[in-house]
N, C-alpha and C. Protein backbone atom coordinates (compact mmCIF):
# COMPACT_ATOMS: atom_id res chain seq x y z
N MET A 1 9.02 21.04 -5.10
CA MET A 1 9.86 19.85 -5.19
C MET A 1 9.71 19.17 -6.55
N ILE A 2 8.52 19.31 -7.14
CA ILE A 2 8.31 18.82 -8.48
C ILE A 2 8.65 19.95 -9.46
N GLY A 3 9.59 19.72 -10.35
CA GLY A 3 10.08 20.78 -11.19
C GLY A 3 9.13 21.26 -12.26
N SER A 4 9.65 22.09 -13.16
CA SER A 4 8.86 22.75 -14.18
C SER A 4 8.25 21.74 -15.16
N GLY A 5 8.83 20.52 -15.20
CA GLY A 5 8.30 19.54 -16.12
C GLY A 5 6.99 18.96 -15.65
N ASN A 6 6.64 19.20 -14.37
CA ASN A 6 5.39 18.72 -13.79
C ASN A 6 5.18 17.21 -14.03
N VAL A 7 6.24 16.47 -13.84
CA VAL A 7 6.19 14.99 -13.96
C VAL A 7 6.78 14.38 -12.69
N VAL A 8 6.09 13.42 -12.16
CA VAL A 8 6.65 12.63 -11.07
C VAL A 8 6.56 11.17 -11.46
N VAL A 9 7.63 10.46 -11.20
CA VAL A 9 7.67 9.03 -11.49
C VAL A 9 7.31 8.28 -10.22
N VAL A 10 6.35 7.40 -10.34
CA VAL A 10 5.97 6.54 -9.22
C VAL A 10 6.74 5.24 -9.34
N ALA A 11 7.51 4.91 -8.32
CA ALA A 11 8.40 3.78 -8.37
C ALA A 11 7.66 2.46 -8.14
N THR A 12 6.77 2.14 -9.10
CA THR A 12 6.05 0.89 -9.04
C THR A 12 5.59 0.53 -10.44
N GLY A 13 5.35 -0.73 -10.65
CA GLY A 13 4.74 -1.19 -11.89
C GLY A 13 3.32 -1.69 -11.64
N ASN A 14 2.88 -1.55 -10.39
CA ASN A 14 1.55 -2.02 -9.99
C ASN A 14 0.49 -1.05 -10.54
N ALA A 15 -0.34 -1.54 -11.46
CA ALA A 15 -1.31 -0.71 -12.13
C ALA A 15 -2.30 -0.09 -11.15
N GLY A 16 -2.68 -0.84 -10.09
CA GLY A 16 -3.61 -0.34 -9.11
C GLY A 16 -3.06 0.86 -8.37
N LYS A 17 -1.78 0.76 -7.97
CA LYS A 17 -1.16 1.89 -7.28
C LYS A 17 -1.01 3.10 -8.22
N VAL A 18 -0.60 2.85 -9.44
CA VAL A 18 -0.40 3.96 -10.41
C VAL A 18 -1.71 4.72 -10.59
N LYS A 19 -2.81 3.98 -10.68
CA LYS A 19 -4.10 4.62 -10.85
C LYS A 19 -4.44 5.51 -9.67
N GLU A 20 -4.19 5.02 -8.48
CA GLU A 20 -4.49 5.83 -7.28
C GLU A 20 -3.59 7.06 -7.21
N PHE A 21 -2.31 6.93 -7.50
CA PHE A 21 -1.42 8.10 -7.46
C PHE A 21 -1.78 9.10 -8.53
N ALA A 22 -2.07 8.62 -9.74
CA ALA A 22 -2.42 9.52 -10.85
C ALA A 22 -3.69 10.31 -10.52
N HIS A 23 -4.65 9.65 -9.89
CA HIS A 23 -5.88 10.32 -9.51
C HIS A 23 -5.60 11.41 -8.49
N ALA A 24 -4.70 11.16 -7.56
CA ALA A 24 -4.39 12.16 -6.53
C ALA A 24 -3.60 13.34 -7.07
N PHE A 25 -2.61 13.08 -7.93
CA PHE A 25 -1.75 14.14 -8.45
C PHE A 25 -2.43 14.98 -9.54
N ALA A 26 -3.53 14.46 -10.09
CA ALA A 26 -4.21 15.22 -11.15
C ALA A 26 -4.65 16.59 -10.63
N GLN A 27 -4.99 16.68 -9.36
CA GLN A 27 -5.45 17.95 -8.81
C GLN A 27 -4.34 19.00 -8.77
N LEU A 28 -3.10 18.57 -8.87
CA LEU A 28 -1.97 19.49 -8.92
C LEU A 28 -1.48 19.74 -10.37
N GLY A 29 -2.14 19.11 -11.33
CA GLY A 29 -1.72 19.24 -12.70
C GLY A 29 -0.39 18.55 -12.98
N VAL A 30 -0.13 17.50 -12.20
CA VAL A 30 1.15 16.77 -12.33
C VAL A 30 0.90 15.45 -13.03
N GLU A 31 1.73 15.18 -14.02
CA GLU A 31 1.63 13.93 -14.78
C GLU A 31 2.39 12.82 -14.02
N VAL A 32 1.76 11.68 -13.93
CA VAL A 32 2.39 10.54 -13.25
C VAL A 32 2.84 9.51 -14.26
N LYS A 33 4.13 9.13 -14.14
CA LYS A 33 4.66 8.01 -14.94
C LYS A 33 5.02 6.89 -13.97
N SER A 34 5.17 5.68 -14.52
CA SER A 34 5.52 4.54 -13.65
C SER A 34 6.80 3.89 -14.20
N LEU A 35 7.26 2.90 -13.50
CA LEU A 35 8.47 2.18 -13.90
C LEU A 35 8.32 1.54 -15.29
N LYS A 36 7.07 1.25 -15.66
CA LYS A 36 6.86 0.63 -16.97
C LYS A 36 7.10 1.58 -18.14
N ASP A 37 7.25 2.84 -17.84
CA ASP A 37 7.53 3.84 -18.88
C ASP A 37 9.01 3.99 -19.17
N PHE A 38 9.86 3.23 -18.45
CA PHE A 38 11.30 3.38 -18.61
C PHE A 38 11.96 2.02 -18.74
N ASP A 39 13.07 1.98 -19.45
CA ASP A 39 13.84 0.72 -19.60
C ASP A 39 15.18 0.85 -18.88
N GLY A 40 15.76 -0.28 -18.56
CA GLY A 40 17.10 -0.32 -17.99
C GLY A 40 17.27 0.22 -16.62
N LEU A 41 16.21 0.20 -15.83
CA LEU A 41 16.30 0.71 -14.45
C LEU A 41 16.97 -0.30 -13.54
N PRO A 42 17.69 0.18 -12.52
CA PRO A 42 18.35 -0.76 -11.60
C PRO A 42 17.36 -1.58 -10.77
N ASP A 43 17.76 -2.76 -10.41
CA ASP A 43 16.97 -3.60 -9.51
C ASP A 43 17.07 -3.05 -8.12
N ILE A 44 16.03 -3.23 -7.35
CA ILE A 44 16.01 -2.74 -5.98
C ILE A 44 15.67 -3.89 -5.02
N VAL A 45 16.52 -4.02 -4.03
CA VAL A 45 16.29 -5.03 -2.99
C VAL A 45 15.66 -4.33 -1.80
N GLU A 46 14.42 -4.65 -1.51
CA GLU A 46 13.71 -3.99 -0.42
C GLU A 46 14.06 -4.69 0.89
N ASP A 47 15.15 -4.30 1.49
CA ASP A 47 15.66 -4.98 2.67
C ASP A 47 15.57 -4.12 3.93
N GLY A 48 14.81 -3.04 3.84
CA GLY A 48 14.65 -2.19 5.04
C GLY A 48 13.77 -2.89 6.08
N ASP A 49 13.96 -2.47 7.34
CA ASP A 49 13.15 -3.11 8.40
C ASP A 49 11.92 -2.27 8.75
N THR A 50 11.70 -1.17 8.00
CA THR A 50 10.48 -0.37 8.15
C THR A 50 9.94 -0.02 6.78
N PHE A 51 8.68 0.32 6.72
CA PHE A 51 8.06 0.74 5.46
C PHE A 51 8.77 2.00 4.94
N GLN A 52 9.05 2.94 5.83
CA GLN A 52 9.65 4.22 5.40
C GLN A 52 11.05 4.00 4.82
N ALA A 53 11.83 3.11 5.41
CA ALA A 53 13.18 2.81 4.92
C ALA A 53 13.12 2.28 3.51
N ASN A 54 12.20 1.37 3.25
CA ASN A 54 12.07 0.81 1.91
C ASN A 54 11.59 1.86 0.90
N ALA A 55 10.67 2.71 1.33
CA ALA A 55 10.17 3.74 0.42
C ALA A 55 11.27 4.69 0.04
N ARG A 56 12.06 5.13 1.00
CA ARG A 56 13.18 6.06 0.71
C ARG A 56 14.21 5.41 -0.22
N LYS A 57 14.53 4.17 0.04
CA LYS A 57 15.53 3.47 -0.79
C LYS A 57 15.09 3.40 -2.23
N LYS A 58 13.82 3.00 -2.47
CA LYS A 58 13.28 2.91 -3.84
C LYS A 58 13.31 4.27 -4.52
N ALA A 59 12.85 5.30 -3.80
CA ALA A 59 12.75 6.65 -4.39
C ALA A 59 14.13 7.15 -4.79
N LYS A 60 15.12 6.97 -3.95
CA LYS A 60 16.47 7.51 -4.24
C LYS A 60 17.14 6.76 -5.40
N ILE A 61 17.03 5.44 -5.41
CA ILE A 61 17.69 4.69 -6.47
C ILE A 61 17.11 5.01 -7.83
N ILE A 62 15.78 5.05 -7.91
CA ILE A 62 15.14 5.38 -9.21
C ILE A 62 15.32 6.84 -9.56
N GLY A 63 15.23 7.74 -8.57
CA GLY A 63 15.40 9.16 -8.82
C GLY A 63 16.80 9.49 -9.34
N ASP A 64 17.81 8.90 -8.73
CA ASP A 64 19.18 9.14 -9.20
C ASP A 64 19.38 8.57 -10.58
N ALA A 65 18.76 7.45 -10.90
CA ALA A 65 18.92 6.83 -12.23
C ALA A 65 18.23 7.68 -13.32
N LEU A 66 17.12 8.29 -13.02
CA LEU A 66 16.34 9.00 -14.04
C LEU A 66 16.58 10.52 -14.02
N GLY A 67 17.08 11.02 -12.91
CA GLY A 67 17.22 12.45 -12.81
C GLY A 67 15.87 13.18 -12.73
N LEU A 68 14.86 12.51 -12.21
CA LEU A 68 13.51 13.05 -12.08
C LEU A 68 13.03 12.83 -10.66
N PRO A 69 12.09 13.69 -10.20
CA PRO A 69 11.46 13.43 -8.90
C PRO A 69 10.75 12.09 -8.92
N VAL A 70 10.94 11.32 -7.86
CA VAL A 70 10.34 10.00 -7.78
C VAL A 70 9.57 9.85 -6.46
N LEU A 71 8.40 9.31 -6.58
CA LEU A 71 7.59 9.02 -5.41
C LEU A 71 7.55 7.50 -5.25
N ALA A 72 7.98 7.04 -4.10
CA ALA A 72 7.94 5.58 -3.82
C ALA A 72 7.12 5.33 -2.58
N ASP A 73 6.47 4.21 -2.58
CA ASP A 73 5.73 3.84 -1.38
C ASP A 73 6.12 2.44 -0.99
N ASP A 74 5.97 2.19 0.29
CA ASP A 74 6.06 0.82 0.76
C ASP A 74 4.85 0.68 1.67
N SER A 75 4.06 -0.29 1.39
CA SER A 75 2.83 -0.45 2.15
C SER A 75 2.59 -1.91 2.42
N GLY A 76 1.79 -2.18 3.40
CA GLY A 76 1.52 -3.57 3.70
C GLY A 76 0.49 -3.73 4.79
N LEU A 77 0.26 -4.98 5.11
CA LEU A 77 -0.75 -5.33 6.09
C LEU A 77 -0.07 -5.81 7.37
N CYS A 78 -0.55 -5.28 8.50
CA CYS A 78 -0.05 -5.70 9.79
C CYS A 78 -1.22 -6.30 10.59
N VAL A 79 -1.13 -7.58 10.88
CA VAL A 79 -2.20 -8.31 11.53
C VAL A 79 -1.82 -8.56 13.01
N ASP A 80 -2.68 -8.10 13.91
CA ASP A 80 -2.36 -8.19 15.33
C ASP A 80 -2.03 -9.61 15.76
N ALA A 81 -2.87 -10.56 15.39
CA ALA A 81 -2.70 -11.95 15.87
C ALA A 81 -1.44 -12.61 15.32
N LEU A 82 -0.86 -12.03 14.27
CA LEU A 82 0.35 -12.61 13.70
C LEU A 82 1.57 -11.77 14.03
N GLY A 83 1.48 -10.99 15.09
CA GLY A 83 2.64 -10.20 15.51
C GLY A 83 2.99 -9.14 14.50
N ASN A 84 1.98 -8.57 13.87
CA ASN A 84 2.12 -7.53 12.83
C ASN A 84 2.67 -8.04 11.50
N ALA A 85 2.74 -9.37 11.32
CA ALA A 85 3.03 -9.93 10.00
C ALA A 85 1.77 -9.78 9.15
N PRO A 86 1.94 -9.78 7.83
CA PRO A 86 3.19 -9.91 7.08
C PRO A 86 4.07 -8.67 7.04
N GLY A 87 3.53 -7.48 7.43
CA GLY A 87 4.36 -6.29 7.52
C GLY A 87 5.10 -5.95 6.26
N VAL A 88 6.42 -5.68 6.40
CA VAL A 88 7.22 -5.29 5.25
C VAL A 88 7.37 -6.43 4.22
N TYR A 89 6.93 -7.62 4.58
CA TYR A 89 6.99 -8.76 3.65
C TYR A 89 5.66 -8.98 2.97
N SER A 90 4.75 -8.05 3.06
CA SER A 90 3.38 -8.25 2.55
C SER A 90 3.34 -8.67 1.09
N ALA A 91 4.15 -8.06 0.24
CA ALA A 91 4.10 -8.37 -1.17
C ALA A 91 4.69 -9.73 -1.51
N ARG A 92 5.50 -10.27 -0.62
CA ARG A 92 6.13 -11.57 -0.85
C ARG A 92 5.89 -12.52 0.33
N TYR A 93 4.75 -12.40 0.94
CA TYR A 93 4.45 -13.18 2.13
C TYR A 93 4.48 -14.67 1.80
N ALA A 94 4.03 -15.07 0.62
CA ALA A 94 4.02 -16.48 0.23
C ALA A 94 5.28 -16.85 -0.56
N GLY A 95 6.26 -15.95 -0.59
CA GLY A 95 7.51 -16.24 -1.31
C GLY A 95 7.74 -15.26 -2.44
N GLU A 96 8.97 -15.18 -2.93
CA GLU A 96 9.29 -14.28 -4.04
C GLU A 96 8.45 -14.66 -5.25
N GLY A 97 7.92 -13.65 -5.91
CA GLY A 97 7.11 -13.91 -7.08
C GLY A 97 5.67 -14.30 -6.77
N ALA A 98 5.28 -14.24 -5.51
CA ALA A 98 3.95 -14.64 -5.09
C ALA A 98 2.91 -13.70 -5.70
N THR A 99 1.77 -14.25 -6.08
CA THR A 99 0.66 -13.44 -6.55
C THR A 99 -0.20 -12.98 -5.38
N ASP A 100 -1.13 -12.06 -5.66
CA ASP A 100 -2.04 -11.64 -4.61
C ASP A 100 -2.81 -12.82 -4.04
N ALA A 101 -3.24 -13.70 -4.95
CA ALA A 101 -3.98 -14.89 -4.49
C ALA A 101 -3.15 -15.78 -3.59
N ASP A 102 -1.85 -15.92 -3.94
CA ASP A 102 -0.95 -16.73 -3.08
C ASP A 102 -0.83 -16.11 -1.69
N ASN A 103 -0.62 -14.80 -1.63
CA ASN A 103 -0.45 -14.14 -0.37
C ASN A 103 -1.72 -14.19 0.48
N ASN A 104 -2.85 -13.97 -0.16
CA ASN A 104 -4.13 -14.03 0.57
C ASN A 104 -4.38 -15.43 1.15
N ALA A 105 -4.07 -16.47 0.34
CA ALA A 105 -4.26 -17.83 0.77
C ALA A 105 -3.38 -18.13 1.99
N LYS A 106 -2.14 -17.67 1.96
CA LYS A 106 -1.25 -17.93 3.10
C LYS A 106 -1.74 -17.20 4.34
N LEU A 107 -2.20 -15.97 4.18
CA LEU A 107 -2.72 -15.21 5.33
C LEU A 107 -3.87 -15.96 6.00
N LEU A 108 -4.79 -16.49 5.20
CA LEU A 108 -5.93 -17.22 5.77
C LEU A 108 -5.48 -18.51 6.44
N ARG A 109 -4.49 -19.18 5.85
CA ARG A 109 -3.95 -20.39 6.46
C ARG A 109 -3.38 -20.10 7.84
N GLU A 110 -2.57 -19.03 7.91
CA GLU A 110 -1.93 -18.70 9.19
C GLU A 110 -2.96 -18.32 10.24
N LEU A 111 -3.97 -17.56 9.85
CA LEU A 111 -4.98 -17.16 10.82
C LEU A 111 -5.86 -18.34 11.25
N SER A 112 -6.11 -19.24 10.32
CA SER A 112 -6.92 -20.40 10.64
C SER A 112 -6.23 -21.29 11.67
N LYS A 113 -4.90 -21.33 11.63
CA LYS A 113 -4.14 -22.12 12.61
C LYS A 113 -4.34 -21.57 14.01
N LEU A 114 -4.51 -20.25 14.11
CA LEU A 114 -4.63 -19.62 15.41
C LEU A 114 -6.06 -19.63 15.93
N ALA A 115 -7.04 -19.72 15.04
CA ALA A 115 -8.41 -19.54 15.41
C ALA A 115 -8.85 -20.53 16.49
N GLY A 116 -8.42 -21.75 16.41
CA GLY A 116 -8.83 -22.76 17.37
C GLY A 116 -8.23 -22.55 18.76
N ALA A 117 -7.08 -21.89 18.81
CA ALA A 117 -6.39 -21.70 20.08
C ALA A 117 -6.65 -20.33 20.69
N ALA A 118 -7.27 -19.44 19.95
CA ALA A 118 -7.53 -18.10 20.45
C ALA A 118 -8.97 -17.73 20.23
N ALA A 119 -9.80 -18.01 21.22
CA ALA A 119 -11.24 -17.90 21.03
C ALA A 119 -11.70 -16.48 20.77
N ASP A 120 -10.84 -15.50 21.11
CA ASP A 120 -11.26 -14.11 20.92
C ASP A 120 -10.95 -13.61 19.52
N ILE A 121 -10.33 -14.43 18.66
CA ILE A 121 -10.00 -13.97 17.33
C ILE A 121 -11.22 -13.98 16.40
N PRO A 122 -11.93 -15.09 16.26
CA PRO A 122 -13.01 -15.09 15.26
C PRO A 122 -14.21 -14.23 15.74
N ALA A 123 -14.90 -13.64 14.80
CA ALA A 123 -16.14 -12.95 15.03
C ALA A 123 -16.96 -13.10 13.75
N VAL A 124 -18.13 -12.59 13.74
CA VAL A 124 -18.97 -12.73 12.57
C VAL A 124 -19.43 -11.36 12.06
N ALA A 125 -19.25 -11.14 10.77
CA ALA A 125 -19.65 -9.89 10.16
C ALA A 125 -21.17 -9.93 9.91
N PRO A 126 -21.79 -8.77 9.65
CA PRO A 126 -23.24 -8.77 9.42
C PRO A 126 -23.67 -9.69 8.29
N HIS A 127 -22.80 -9.95 7.35
CA HIS A 127 -23.17 -10.80 6.19
C HIS A 127 -22.93 -12.28 6.49
N GLY A 128 -22.60 -12.61 7.74
CA GLY A 128 -22.37 -13.99 8.07
C GLY A 128 -21.00 -14.48 7.74
N VAL A 129 -20.11 -13.59 7.34
CA VAL A 129 -18.74 -13.96 6.99
C VAL A 129 -17.88 -13.89 8.29
N THR A 130 -17.07 -14.87 8.49
CA THR A 130 -16.19 -14.87 9.68
C THR A 130 -15.14 -13.77 9.57
N LEU A 131 -14.93 -13.10 10.68
CA LEU A 131 -13.87 -12.09 10.76
C LEU A 131 -12.82 -12.55 11.73
N PHE A 132 -11.54 -12.42 11.33
CA PHE A 132 -10.46 -12.69 12.23
C PHE A 132 -10.11 -11.37 12.94
N GLY A 133 -9.04 -11.41 13.76
CA GLY A 133 -8.72 -10.27 14.62
C GLY A 133 -8.30 -9.02 13.88
N GLY A 134 -7.98 -8.00 14.67
CA GLY A 134 -7.66 -6.68 14.15
C GLY A 134 -6.45 -6.65 13.25
N ALA A 135 -6.47 -5.68 12.37
CA ALA A 135 -5.35 -5.50 11.43
C ALA A 135 -5.29 -4.06 11.01
N ARG A 136 -4.16 -3.70 10.40
CA ARG A 136 -3.97 -2.33 9.88
C ARG A 136 -3.32 -2.42 8.54
N PHE A 137 -3.78 -1.59 7.61
CA PHE A 137 -3.01 -1.31 6.40
C PHE A 137 -2.16 -0.10 6.68
N VAL A 138 -0.86 -0.17 6.34
CA VAL A 138 0.06 0.93 6.56
C VAL A 138 0.72 1.32 5.25
N CYS A 139 0.84 2.60 5.03
CA CYS A 139 1.52 3.10 3.80
C CYS A 139 2.53 4.18 4.17
N ALA A 140 3.75 4.03 3.75
CA ALA A 140 4.79 5.06 3.90
C ALA A 140 5.16 5.56 2.51
N LEU A 141 5.14 6.89 2.33
CA LEU A 141 5.52 7.51 1.07
C LEU A 141 6.82 8.30 1.24
N ALA A 142 7.61 8.26 0.19
CA ALA A 142 8.83 9.09 0.14
C ALA A 142 8.94 9.72 -1.24
N LEU A 143 8.97 11.02 -1.27
CA LEU A 143 9.15 11.77 -2.54
C LEU A 143 10.57 12.32 -2.53
N TYR A 144 11.34 11.91 -3.53
CA TYR A 144 12.77 12.26 -3.59
C TYR A 144 13.06 13.13 -4.79
N ASP A 145 13.80 14.21 -4.55
CA ASP A 145 14.19 15.13 -5.64
C ASP A 145 15.70 15.01 -5.84
N PRO A 146 16.14 14.39 -6.95
CA PRO A 146 17.59 14.26 -7.16
C PRO A 146 18.31 15.57 -7.39
N ALA A 147 17.56 16.61 -7.69
CA ALA A 147 18.22 17.93 -7.93
C ALA A 147 18.91 18.45 -6.67
N ASP A 148 18.32 18.16 -5.49
CA ASP A 148 18.96 18.65 -4.27
C ASP A 148 19.08 17.57 -3.20
N GLY A 149 18.69 16.32 -3.55
CA GLY A 149 18.82 15.24 -2.63
C GLY A 149 17.85 15.24 -1.47
N SER A 150 16.79 16.00 -1.60
CA SER A 150 15.84 16.14 -0.50
C SER A 150 14.73 15.08 -0.56
N PHE A 151 14.18 14.80 0.62
CA PHE A 151 13.06 13.86 0.77
C PHE A 151 11.88 14.56 1.41
N MET A 152 10.70 14.11 1.02
CA MET A 152 9.46 14.48 1.68
C MET A 152 8.77 13.17 2.06
N ASP A 153 8.46 13.02 3.33
CA ASP A 153 7.89 11.76 3.83
C ASP A 153 6.47 11.95 4.33
N ALA A 154 5.68 10.89 4.25
CA ALA A 154 4.34 10.89 4.84
C ALA A 154 3.93 9.45 5.10
N GLU A 155 3.10 9.25 6.12
CA GLU A 155 2.64 7.91 6.44
C GLU A 155 1.16 7.95 6.85
N GLY A 156 0.47 6.91 6.50
CA GLY A 156 -0.94 6.79 6.87
C GLY A 156 -1.30 5.36 7.17
N ASP A 157 -2.37 5.17 7.93
CA ASP A 157 -2.84 3.78 8.16
C ASP A 157 -4.36 3.80 8.28
N VAL A 158 -4.92 2.60 8.22
CA VAL A 158 -6.38 2.43 8.37
C VAL A 158 -6.61 1.10 9.12
N PRO A 159 -7.43 1.11 10.17
CA PRO A 159 -7.68 -0.11 10.92
C PRO A 159 -8.84 -0.93 10.29
N GLY A 160 -8.82 -2.22 10.54
CA GLY A 160 -9.89 -3.08 10.06
C GLY A 160 -9.77 -4.47 10.60
N ARG A 161 -10.42 -5.44 9.97
CA ARG A 161 -10.30 -6.81 10.38
C ARG A 161 -10.14 -7.66 9.12
N ILE A 162 -9.80 -8.91 9.31
CA ILE A 162 -9.55 -9.80 8.17
C ILE A 162 -10.74 -10.73 7.98
N LEU A 163 -11.21 -10.80 6.74
CA LEU A 163 -12.34 -11.67 6.39
C LEU A 163 -11.84 -13.08 6.14
N SER A 164 -12.72 -14.04 6.37
CA SER A 164 -12.35 -15.43 6.11
C SER A 164 -12.46 -15.81 4.65
N SER A 165 -13.09 -14.96 3.85
CA SER A 165 -13.17 -15.20 2.42
C SER A 165 -13.27 -13.86 1.72
N ALA A 166 -12.83 -13.81 0.47
CA ALA A 166 -12.73 -12.57 -0.26
C ALA A 166 -14.12 -11.98 -0.60
N ARG A 167 -14.14 -10.64 -0.64
CA ARG A 167 -15.35 -9.92 -1.05
C ARG A 167 -14.93 -8.79 -1.95
N GLY A 168 -15.64 -8.57 -3.04
CA GLY A 168 -15.38 -7.44 -3.93
C GLY A 168 -14.41 -7.78 -5.03
N THR A 169 -14.42 -6.99 -6.06
CA THR A 169 -13.58 -7.22 -7.24
C THR A 169 -12.64 -6.05 -7.53
N GLY A 170 -12.73 -5.01 -6.71
CA GLY A 170 -11.84 -3.84 -6.94
C GLY A 170 -10.58 -3.96 -6.12
N GLY A 171 -9.73 -2.94 -6.21
CA GLY A 171 -8.51 -2.89 -5.44
C GLY A 171 -7.51 -3.96 -5.87
N PHE A 172 -6.60 -4.29 -4.98
CA PHE A 172 -5.53 -5.26 -5.26
C PHE A 172 -4.94 -5.70 -3.95
N GLY A 173 -4.01 -6.61 -4.01
CA GLY A 173 -3.36 -7.09 -2.79
C GLY A 173 -4.33 -7.75 -1.85
N TYR A 174 -4.31 -7.31 -0.60
CA TYR A 174 -5.16 -7.89 0.46
C TYR A 174 -6.53 -7.22 0.54
N ASP A 175 -6.83 -6.29 -0.36
CA ASP A 175 -8.10 -5.53 -0.29
C ASP A 175 -9.33 -6.43 -0.16
N PRO A 176 -9.44 -7.54 -0.89
CA PRO A 176 -10.65 -8.35 -0.78
C PRO A 176 -10.84 -9.03 0.58
N LEU A 177 -9.78 -9.09 1.38
CA LEU A 177 -9.88 -9.71 2.69
C LEU A 177 -9.92 -8.70 3.86
N PHE A 178 -9.87 -7.42 3.53
CA PHE A 178 -9.77 -6.39 4.55
C PHE A 178 -11.13 -5.76 4.78
N TRP A 179 -11.71 -6.03 5.95
CA TRP A 179 -13.05 -5.58 6.28
C TRP A 179 -13.01 -4.27 7.06
N LEU A 180 -13.86 -3.31 6.63
CA LEU A 180 -13.93 -2.01 7.25
C LEU A 180 -15.23 -1.96 8.09
N PRO A 181 -15.14 -2.16 9.39
CA PRO A 181 -16.36 -2.25 10.22
C PRO A 181 -17.27 -1.04 10.11
N GLU A 182 -16.68 0.18 10.01
CA GLU A 182 -17.51 1.35 9.99
C GLU A 182 -18.35 1.45 8.70
N LEU A 183 -17.83 0.89 7.62
CA LEU A 183 -18.55 0.95 6.35
C LEU A 183 -19.31 -0.32 6.09
N GLY A 184 -18.99 -1.41 6.78
CA GLY A 184 -19.66 -2.69 6.53
C GLY A 184 -19.37 -3.23 5.16
N ARG A 185 -18.14 -2.95 4.66
CA ARG A 185 -17.72 -3.44 3.37
C ARG A 185 -16.25 -3.81 3.40
N ALA A 186 -15.84 -4.59 2.42
CA ALA A 186 -14.40 -4.89 2.24
C ALA A 186 -13.78 -3.74 1.44
N MET A 187 -12.47 -3.60 1.60
CA MET A 187 -11.74 -2.57 0.84
C MET A 187 -11.96 -2.72 -0.65
N ALA A 188 -12.03 -3.97 -1.13
CA ALA A 188 -12.19 -4.24 -2.56
C ALA A 188 -13.59 -3.93 -3.06
N GLU A 189 -14.50 -3.56 -2.16
CA GLU A 189 -15.86 -3.20 -2.58
C GLU A 189 -16.04 -1.70 -2.72
N LEU A 190 -14.96 -0.93 -2.51
CA LEU A 190 -15.02 0.53 -2.62
C LEU A 190 -14.61 1.02 -4.00
N SER A 191 -15.15 2.13 -4.37
CA SER A 191 -14.69 2.80 -5.61
C SER A 191 -13.32 3.44 -5.35
N THR A 192 -12.62 3.87 -6.38
CA THR A 192 -11.33 4.54 -6.21
C THR A 192 -11.49 5.75 -5.30
N GLU A 193 -12.52 6.53 -5.51
CA GLU A 193 -12.73 7.75 -4.73
C GLU A 193 -13.01 7.40 -3.26
N GLU A 194 -13.83 6.37 -3.04
CA GLU A 194 -14.17 5.95 -1.66
C GLU A 194 -12.91 5.40 -0.97
N LYS A 195 -12.12 4.66 -1.70
CA LYS A 195 -10.92 4.06 -1.11
C LYS A 195 -9.92 5.13 -0.70
N GLN A 196 -9.70 6.11 -1.60
CA GLN A 196 -8.78 7.17 -1.27
C GLN A 196 -9.21 8.03 -0.09
N ALA A 197 -10.51 8.10 0.12
CA ALA A 197 -11.03 8.88 1.21
C ALA A 197 -10.73 8.28 2.57
N ILE A 198 -10.54 6.96 2.63
CA ILE A 198 -10.34 6.31 3.94
C ILE A 198 -9.11 5.43 4.04
N SER A 199 -8.44 5.14 2.90
CA SER A 199 -7.37 4.14 2.90
C SER A 199 -6.07 4.68 3.48
N HIS A 200 -5.18 3.78 3.81
CA HIS A 200 -3.85 4.10 4.28
C HIS A 200 -3.08 4.90 3.25
N ARG A 201 -3.20 4.52 1.96
CA ARG A 201 -2.48 5.24 0.89
C ARG A 201 -3.11 6.61 0.68
N GLY A 202 -4.45 6.66 0.79
CA GLY A 202 -5.13 7.93 0.67
C GLY A 202 -4.74 8.90 1.77
N ALA A 203 -4.65 8.37 2.99
CA ALA A 203 -4.23 9.20 4.15
C ALA A 203 -2.82 9.73 3.95
N ALA A 204 -1.90 8.86 3.53
CA ALA A 204 -0.52 9.29 3.32
C ALA A 204 -0.44 10.30 2.18
N LEU A 205 -1.21 10.07 1.11
CA LEU A 205 -1.21 10.98 -0.02
C LEU A 205 -1.72 12.38 0.36
N ARG A 206 -2.77 12.43 1.17
CA ARG A 206 -3.29 13.70 1.60
C ARG A 206 -2.24 14.49 2.39
N LYS A 207 -1.54 13.79 3.26
CA LYS A 207 -0.50 14.44 4.02
C LYS A 207 0.66 14.93 3.11
N LEU A 208 1.00 14.13 2.11
CA LEU A 208 2.06 14.51 1.17
C LEU A 208 1.63 15.71 0.33
N LEU A 209 0.39 15.67 -0.20
CA LEU A 209 -0.11 16.76 -1.04
C LEU A 209 -0.21 18.05 -0.24
N ALA A 210 -0.56 17.97 1.04
CA ALA A 210 -0.64 19.15 1.87
C ALA A 210 0.75 19.78 2.01
N GLN A 211 1.77 18.94 2.13
CA GLN A 211 3.15 19.47 2.19
C GLN A 211 3.55 20.14 0.89
N LEU A 212 3.15 19.52 -0.24
CA LEU A 212 3.48 20.07 -1.57
C LEU A 212 2.79 21.41 -1.76
N ASN A 213 1.52 21.47 -1.34
CA ASN A 213 0.76 22.71 -1.49
C ASN A 213 1.31 23.84 -0.66
N ASN A 214 2.00 23.47 0.45
CA ASN A 214 2.59 24.50 1.29
C ASN A 214 3.99 24.89 0.83
């Protein structure tokens, strides 16, 4: 699906995501470019009601514009106590143009409102940090080839809980608030290699790479 040029464009300008994708595709000898490597690309309105729908839409629009294979992802956080919010609105949970800090602050505000009314939500982590209820990171990937209009899809998720305060300096998005009970660490406390081994994006990438290898 990736042509003789051995280049795939990742439909994001997020440096953290680009780093993770480049690390994964290096094993195939594939060069990864991002949206920042191109000018004049069309704007994309992510109005799908599922992660997969948004990923496919991004991949097709950018792939048709560039005439190159494009990998797009849509990923986000689904929190049980919030009815799976922020979900597909994860990147703009606090409004259009929201920063990671803005989104994280809103998430904690919303969970704090529920904590008093739902005694089963709070818990305490080994480090004495309050944990809110269950959550999942979800990632949907879509690899689109404009040469034949084909798609390759993959999805992965990872369960965890939400911390009451940030831990770690790595990762991006909600990583500093996402607690991994099995590891006793926040997602933002993992190295790139450790994160890819267990993360939602890592799981989806492994499924996608397996399809490519076949």
